[in-house]
Amino acid sequence: MPRQKTAGPGDGKTAIQVIERMVALLDALAEHSEPVSLKELSLRTTLHPSTAHRILNDLVISRLVDRAEPGAYQLGIRLLELGNLVKARLNVRDAALGPMRELHRATGQPVNLSIRQADEIVYIERAVSERSGMQVVRAVGGRAPLHLTSVGKLFLAADDARAVRSYATRTGLAGHTKNSITELTRLERELALVRARGYARDNEELELGVRCIGSGIRDDSGRLVAGLSISAPADFVQDDWIDLLCKTTDRISNALGHDGEP
């Protein structure tokens, strides 16, 4: 039976050095969309060609690197698999909860996290307290038509003109209050404003006496995946909240991997 090797005093440092070299090679490969030669990788990382070759072979075995052709390498499919696992863990509710609570403390008003399901908005989280002085009609799990809510308008604004017309035909743009937008031409004008501003408003269109301001949350691909809205009594909404809201949604989007580009 072979004797088990015991770690020497320098083994930890050696292991860290190997990891640093592996990361350096992966970073060098990430800078190129095409396969990179061993010579180029050696120059980029200042590693001796034999050292780079040995580490690359280990990375190929683990599928972190692919050997595209003799002497040339590219990032491996295993990195995509690992990336997708990380992405799946990045839950929008988890990323949003802390920033939502901070926004609620700053405004004193209910802050809602919503996602789109078909032709409706679904409220999936809320930051609220008694001091807001406003009763929230729709609890977590509640639904509302897209065209009557600030976050819903954000999702419609992300659609093309044909999809918006299709939505209007399916739903009939039914209204809930005297302020509800129930005509396609009005909705199209409203959505143009949303695109220009980068945020959306609900002017007592879902509930009389309640106004909302909404801003979108995007994932690492730039896709609109959710939205935050501040709800307040109609005569208490403050435009100063818009900047706070947009900075909060930017922060959440960044946590989901979004780089700030639409």
Foldseek 3Di string as FASTA:
>chain_A
DDDDDDDDPCNVVVVVVLVVLLVLLQVVQVVDPDWDFLVVSCVSSVNDSVSSVVSVVVCVVVQQWPDPDVRTIHGGCVVVVVVVVVLVPLDLCVLQVVLLQVLCVVQVFKKFKWFDDVQKIATADIHHDVSLVDDDPADHRGIDGLQQAFFSLVVLLVDDPVVLVVSCVVVQQDWDDPPGDRDSVVSVVQSVVCVVVQKGKRQCGNHPQKIKIKHFAAAQVRDTGIMMMTIHGNVPDDPVSVVSRHVSSVSSNVSRNHPPDD
